[in-house]
């Protein structure tokens, strides 16, 4: 099921290129709380580009 228009508006309002978002997506907290496959599915469906390496596992 594709994300709603309101969902995409919210996603587009975020700056995915901001380091704090990428840092959070790669954090253990996010990996435990979020389904990252769904996160990246929604961003793709909404036409939002996620920077390469964003959400990579951190040591």
PDB file of N, CA and C in Angstrom:
ATOM      1  N   UNK A   1       0.848  -1.173   0.000  1.00  0.00           N
ATOM      2  CA  UNK A   1       0.000   0.000   0.000  1.00  0.00           C
ATOM      3  C   UNK A   1       0.897   1.240   0.000  1.00  0.00           C
ATOM      4  N   UNK A   2       0.684   2.134  -0.921  1.00  0.00           N
ATOM      5  CA  UNK A   2       1.498   3.353  -0.968  1.00  0.00           C
ATOM      6  C   UNK A   2       1.150   4.294   0.186  1.00  0.00           C
ATOM      7  N   UNK A   3       2.102   5.144   0.582  1.00  0.00           N
ATOM      8  CA  UNK A   3       1.835   6.113   1.648  1.00  0.00           C
ATOM      9  C   UNK A   3       0.808   7.147   1.194  1.00  0.00           C
ATOM     10  N   UNK A   4       0.107   7.705   2.168  1.00  0.00           N
ATOM     11  CA  UNK A   4      -0.898   8.726   1.866  1.00  0.00           C
ATOM     12  C   UNK A   4      -0.231  10.033   1.441  1.00  0.00           C
ATOM     13  N   UNK A   5      -1.035  10.907   0.867  1.00  0.00           N
ATOM     14  CA  UNK A   5      -0.534  12.226   0.463  1.00  0.00           C
ATOM     15  C   UNK A   5      -0.021  12.997   1.679  1.00  0.00           C
ATOM     16  N   UNK A   6      -0.745  12.910   2.800  1.00  0.00           N
ATOM     17  CA  UNK A   6      -0.310  13.596   4.023  1.00  0.00           C
ATOM     18  C   UNK A   6       1.018  13.038   4.531  1.00  0.00           C
ATOM     19  N   UNK A   7       1.168  11.723   4.444  1.00  0.00           N
ATOM     20  CA  UNK A   7       2.426  11.100   4.859  1.00  0.00           C
ATOM     21  C   UNK A   7       3.571  11.633   4.005  1.00  0.00           C
ATOM     22  N   UNK A   8       3.377  11.667   2.697  1.00  0.00           N
ATOM     23  CA  UNK A   8       4.430  12.161   1.802  1.00  0.00           C
ATOM     24  C   UNK A   8       4.748  13.631   2.061  1.00  0.00           C
ATOM     25  N   UNK A   9       3.741  14.432   2.363  1.00  0.00           N
ATOM     26  CA  UNK A   9       3.992  15.846   2.679  1.00  0.00           C
ATOM     27  C   UNK A   9       4.894  15.956   3.899  1.00  0.00           C
ATOM     28  N   UNK A  10       4.639  15.118   4.903  1.00  0.00           N
ATOM     29  CA  UNK A  10       5.454  15.131   6.119  1.00  0.00           C
ATOM     30  C   UNK A  10       6.878  14.697   5.811  1.00  0.00           C
ATOM     31  N   UNK A  11       7.024  13.627   5.048  1.00  0.00           N
ATOM     32  CA  UNK A  11       8.352  13.118   4.692  1.00  0.00           C
ATOM     33  C   UNK A  11       9.126  14.153   3.880  1.00  0.00           C
ATOM     34  N   UNK A  12       8.453  14.807   2.952  1.00  0.00           N
ATOM     35  CA  UNK A  12       9.116  15.809   2.113  1.00  0.00           C
ATOM     36  C   UNK A  12       9.525  17.043   2.909  1.00  0.00           C
ATOM     37  N   UNK A  13       8.823  17.319   4.009  1.00  0.00           N
ATOM     38  CA  UNK A  13       9.154  18.481   4.835  1.00  0.00           C
ATOM     39  C   UNK A  13      10.430  18.248   5.645  1.00  0.00           C
ATOM     40  N   UNK A  14      10.802  16.981   5.838  1.00  0.00           N
ATOM     41  CA  UNK A  14      12.029  16.660   6.560  1.00  0.00           C
ATOM     42  C   UNK A  14      13.210  16.815   5.620  1.00  0.00           C
ATOM     43  N   UNK A  15      14.341  17.149   6.167  1.00  0.00           N
ATOM     44  CA  UNK A  15      15.551  17.241   5.356  1.00  0.00           C
ATOM     45  C   UNK A  15      16.344  15.958   5.550  1.00  0.00           C
ATOM     46  N   UNK A  16      16.160  14.998   4.646  1.00  0.00           N
ATOM     47  CA  UNK A  16      16.840  13.707   4.765  1.00  0.00           C
ATOM     48  C   UNK A  16      18.352  13.850   4.655  1.00  0.00           C
ATOM     49  N   UNK A  17      18.806  14.979   4.136  1.00  0.00           N
ATOM     50  CA  UNK A  17      20.243  15.191   3.996  1.00  0.00           C
ATOM     51  C   UNK A  17      20.869  15.756   5.270  1.00  0.00           C
ATOM     52  N   UNK A  18      20.031  16.086   6.257  1.00  0.00           N
ATOM     53  CA  UNK A  18      20.563  16.576   7.527  1.00  0.00           C
ATOM     54  C   UNK A  18      21.230  15.405   8.246  1.00  0.00           C
ATOM     55  N   UNK A  19      22.419  15.623   8.736  1.00  0.00           N
ATOM     56  CA  UNK A  19      23.173  14.524   9.341  1.00  0.00           C
ATOM     57  C   UNK A  19      22.459  13.929  10.546  1.00  0.00           C
ATOM     58  N   UNK A  20      21.690  14.719  11.282  1.00  0.00           N
ATOM     59  CA  UNK A  20      21.040  14.170  12.477  1.00  0.00           C
ATOM     60  C   UNK A  20      20.023  13.098  12.109  1.00  0.00           C
ATOM     61  N   UNK A  21      19.356  13.230  10.971  1.00  0.00           N
ATOM     62  CA  UNK A  21      18.398  12.209  10.551  1.00  0.00           C
ATOM     63  C   UNK A  21      19.147  10.933  10.179  1.00  0.00           C
ATOM     64  N   UNK A  22      20.200  11.056   9.415  1.00  0.00           N
ATOM     65  CA  UNK A  22      20.973   9.873   9.037  1.00  0.00           C
ATOM     66  C   UNK A  22      21.619   9.232  10.261  1.00  0.00           C
ATOM     67  N   UNK A  23      22.088  10.049  11.182  1.00  0.00           N
ATOM     68  CA  UNK A  23      22.668   9.512  12.410  1.00  0.00           C
ATOM     69  C   UNK A  23      21.624   8.722  13.187  1.00  0.00           C
ATOM     70  N   UNK A  24      20.394   9.245  13.264  1.00  0.00           N
ATOM     71  CA  UNK A  24      19.345   8.543  14.003  1.00  0.00           C
ATOM     72  C   UNK A  24      18.955   7.244  13.304  1.00  0.00           C
ATOM     73  N   UNK A  25      18.780   7.288  11.996  1.00  0.00           N
ATOM     74  CA  UNK A  25      18.369   6.086  11.257  1.00  0.00           C
ATOM     75  C   UNK A  25      19.406   4.977  11.429  1.00  0.00           C
ATOM     76  N   UNK A  26      20.664   5.328  11.599  1.00  0.00           N
ATOM     77  CA  UNK A  26      21.722   4.337  11.786  1.00  0.00           C
ATOM     78  C   UNK A  26      21.944   3.930  13.224  1.00  0.00           C
ATOM     79  N   UNK A  27      21.210   4.533  14.147  1.00  0.00           N
ATOM     80  CA  UNK A  27      21.408   4.253  15.569  1.00  0.00           C
ATOM     81  C   UNK A  27      20.747   2.939  15.985  1.00  0.00           C
ATOM     82  N   UNK A  28      21.255   2.317  17.050  1.00  0.00           N
ATOM     83  CA  UNK A  28      20.615   1.098  17.557  1.00  0.00           C
ATOM     84  C   UNK A  28      19.157   1.348  17.950  1.00  0.00           C
ATOM     85  N   UNK A  29      18.854   2.527  18.481  1.00  0.00           N
ATOM     86  CA  UNK A  29      17.485   2.859  18.875  1.00  0.00           C
ATOM     87  C   UNK A  29      16.541   2.765  17.680  1.00  0.00           C
ATOM     88  N   UNK A  30      16.932   3.355  16.568  1.00  0.00           N
ATOM     89  CA  UNK A  30      16.089   3.318  15.368  1.00  0.00           C
ATOM     90  C   UNK A  30      15.994   1.911  14.805  1.00  0.00           C
ATOM     91  N   UNK A  31      17.108   1.205  14.785  1.00  0.00           N
ATOM     92  CA  UNK A  31      17.088  -0.162  14.240  1.00  0.00           C
ATOM     93  C   UNK A  31      16.183  -1.065  15.067  1.00  0.00           C
ATOM     94  N   UNK A  32      16.060  -0.776  16.364  1.00  0.00           N
ATOM     95  CA  UNK A  32      15.191  -1.577  17.229  1.00  0.00           C
ATOM     96  C   UNK A  32      13.734  -1.160  17.141  1.00  0.00           C
ATOM     97  N   UNK A  33      13.464   0.090  16.799  1.00  0.00           N
ATOM     98  CA  UNK A  33      12.096   0.616  16.817  1.00  0.00           C
ATOM     99  C   UNK A  33      11.457   0.741  15.442  1.00  0.00           C
ATOM    100  N   UNK A  34      12.267   0.868  14.404  1.00  0.00           N
ATOM    101  CA  UNK A  34      11.737   1.112  13.060  1.00  0.00           C
ATOM    102  C   UNK A  34      12.003  -0.069  12.139  1.00  0.00           C
ATOM    103  N   UNK A  35      11.109  -0.288  11.215  1.00  0.00           N
ATOM    104  CA  UNK A  35      11.345  -1.243  10.134  1.00  0.00           C
ATOM    105  C   UNK A  35      11.983  -0.432   9.010  1.00  0.00           C
ATOM    106  N   UNK A  36      13.298  -0.520   8.905  1.00  0.00           N
ATOM    107  CA  UNK A  36      14.018   0.323   7.948  1.00  0.00           C
ATOM    108  C   UNK A  36      13.640   0.023   6.503  1.00  0.00           C
ATOM    109  N   UNK A  37      13.213  -1.205   6.218  1.00  0.00           N
ATOM    110  CA  UNK A  37      12.721  -1.494   4.866  1.00  0.00           C
ATOM    111  C   UNK A  37      11.511  -0.625   4.554  1.00  0.00           C
ATOM    112  N   UNK A  38      10.630  -0.453   5.539  1.00  0.00           N
ATOM    113  CA  UNK A  38       9.448   0.392   5.342  1.00  0.00           C
ATOM    114  C   UNK A  38       9.837   1.860   5.240  1.00  0.00           C
ATOM    115  N   UNK A  39      10.806   2.281   6.047  1.00  0.00           N
ATOM    116  CA  UNK A  39      11.268   3.671   5.992  1.00  0.00           C
ATOM    117  C   UNK A  39      11.749   3.997   4.578  1.00  0.00           C
ATOM    118  N   UNK A  40      12.590   3.133   4.020  1.00  0.00           N
ATOM    119  CA  UNK A  40      13.137   3.395   2.690  1.00  0.00           C
ATOM    120  C   UNK A  40      12.083   3.202   1.602  1.00  0.00           C
ATOM    121  N   UNK A  41      11.111   2.305   1.804  1.00  0.00           N
ATOM    122  CA  UNK A  41      10.003   2.143   0.860  1.00  0.00           C
ATOM    123  C   UNK A  41       9.190   3.432   0.782  1.00  0.00           C
ATOM    124  N   UNK A  42       8.850   3.979   1.949  1.00  0.00           N
ATOM    125  CA  UNK A  42       8.025   5.193   1.989  1.00  0.00           C
ATOM    126  C   UNK A  42       8.759   6.366   1.354  1.00  0.00           C
ATOM    127  N   UNK A  43      10.033   6.534   1.680  1.00  0.00           N
ATOM    128  CA  UNK A  43      10.765   7.661   1.087  1.00  0.00           C
ATOM    129  C   UNK A  43      10.825   7.523  -0.431  1.00  0.00           C
ATOM    130  N   UNK A  44      11.036   6.313  -0.916  1.00  0.00           N
ATOM    131  CA  UNK A  44      11.087   6.103  -2.371  1.00  0.00           C
ATOM    132  C   UNK A  44       9.731   6.398  -3.004  1.00  0.00           C
ATOM    133  N   UNK A  45       8.650   5.908  -2.399  1.00  0.00           N
ATOM    134  CA  UNK A  45       7.310   6.130  -2.931  1.00  0.00           C
ATOM    135  C   UNK A  45       6.953   7.613  -2.952  1.00  0.00           C
ATOM    136  N   UNK A  46       7.491   8.363  -1.989  1.00  0.00           N
ATOM    137  CA  UNK A  46       7.198   9.795  -1.897  1.00  0.00           C
ATOM    138  C   UNK A  46       8.150  10.631  -2.751  1.00  0.00           C
ATOM    139  N   UNK A  47       9.109   9.982  -3.397  1.00  0.00           N
ATOM    140  CA  UNK A  47      10.039  10.711  -4.250  1.00  0.00           C
ATOM    141  C   UNK A  47      11.121  11.442  -3.488  1.00  0.00           C
ATOM    142  N   UNK A  48      11.427  10.960  -2.293  1.00  0.00           N
ATOM    143  CA  UNK A  48      12.457  11.580  -1.464  1.00  0.00           C
ATOM    144  C   UNK A  48      13.733  10.755  -1.594  1.00  0.00           C
ATOM    145  N   UNK A  49      14.828  11.422  -1.894  1.00  0.00           N
ATOM    146  CA  UNK A  49      16.113  10.750  -2.016  1.00  0.00           C
ATOM    147  C   UNK A  49      16.792  10.691  -0.659  1.00  0.00           C
ATOM    148  N   UNK A  50      17.183   9.493  -0.273  1.00  0.00           N
ATOM    149  CA  UNK A  50      17.928   9.314   0.973  1.00  0.00           C
ATOM    150  C   UNK A  50      19.402   9.248   0.593  1.00  0.00           C
ATOM    151  N   UNK A  51      20.241  10.037   1.270  1.00  0.00           N
ATOM    152  CA  UNK A  51      21.661  10.051   0.921  1.00  0.00           C
ATOM    153  C   UNK A  51      22.296   8.660   1.023  1.00  0.00           C
ATOM    154  N   UNK A  52      23.218   8.367   0.123  1.00  0.00           N
ATOM    155  CA  UNK A  52      23.937   7.097   0.151  1.00  0.00           C
ATOM    156  C   UNK A  52      24.625   6.938   1.502  1.00  0.00           C
ATOM    157  N   UNK A  53      24.469   5.772   2.100  1.00  0.00           N
ATOM    158  CA  UNK A  53      25.089   5.496   3.392  1.00  0.00           C
ATOM    159  C   UNK A  53      24.251   5.920   4.579  1.00  0.00           C
ATOM    160  N   UNK A  54      23.164   6.624   4.333  1.00  0.00           N
ATOM    161  CA  UNK A  54      22.292   7.052   5.427  1.00  0.00           C
ATOM    162  C   UNK A  54      21.652   5.813   6.040  1.00  0.00           C
ATOM    163  N   UNK A  55      21.795   5.676   7.341  1.00  0.00           N
ATOM    164  CA  UNK A  55      21.223   4.524   8.027  1.00  0.00           C
ATOM    165  C   UNK A  55      22.180   3.361   8.132  1.00  0.00           C
ATOM    166  N   UNK A  56      23.434   3.563   7.698  1.00  0.00           N
ATOM    167  CA  UNK A  56      24.419   2.499   7.831  1.00  0.00           C
ATOM    168  C   UNK A  56      24.648   2.207   9.300  1.00  0.00           C
ATOM    169  N   UNK A  57      24.958   0.964   9.572  1.00  0.00           N
ATOM    170  CA  UNK A  57      25.205   0.579  10.966  1.00  0.00           C
ATOM    171  C   UNK A  57      26.416   1.326  11.488  1.00  0.00           C
ATOM    172  N   UNK A  58      26.280   1.769  12.736  1.00  0.00           N
ATOM    173  CA  UNK A  58      27.374   2.476  13.391  1.00  0.00           C
ATOM    174  C   UNK A  58      28.026   1.544  14.399  1.00  0.00           C
ATOM    175  N   UNK A  59      29.300   1.771  14.678  1.00  0.00           N
ATOM    176  CA  UNK A  59      29.992   0.985  15.702  1.00  0.00           C
ATOM    177  C   UNK A  59      29.714   1.543  17.063  1.00  0.00           C
TER     178      UNK A  59
END
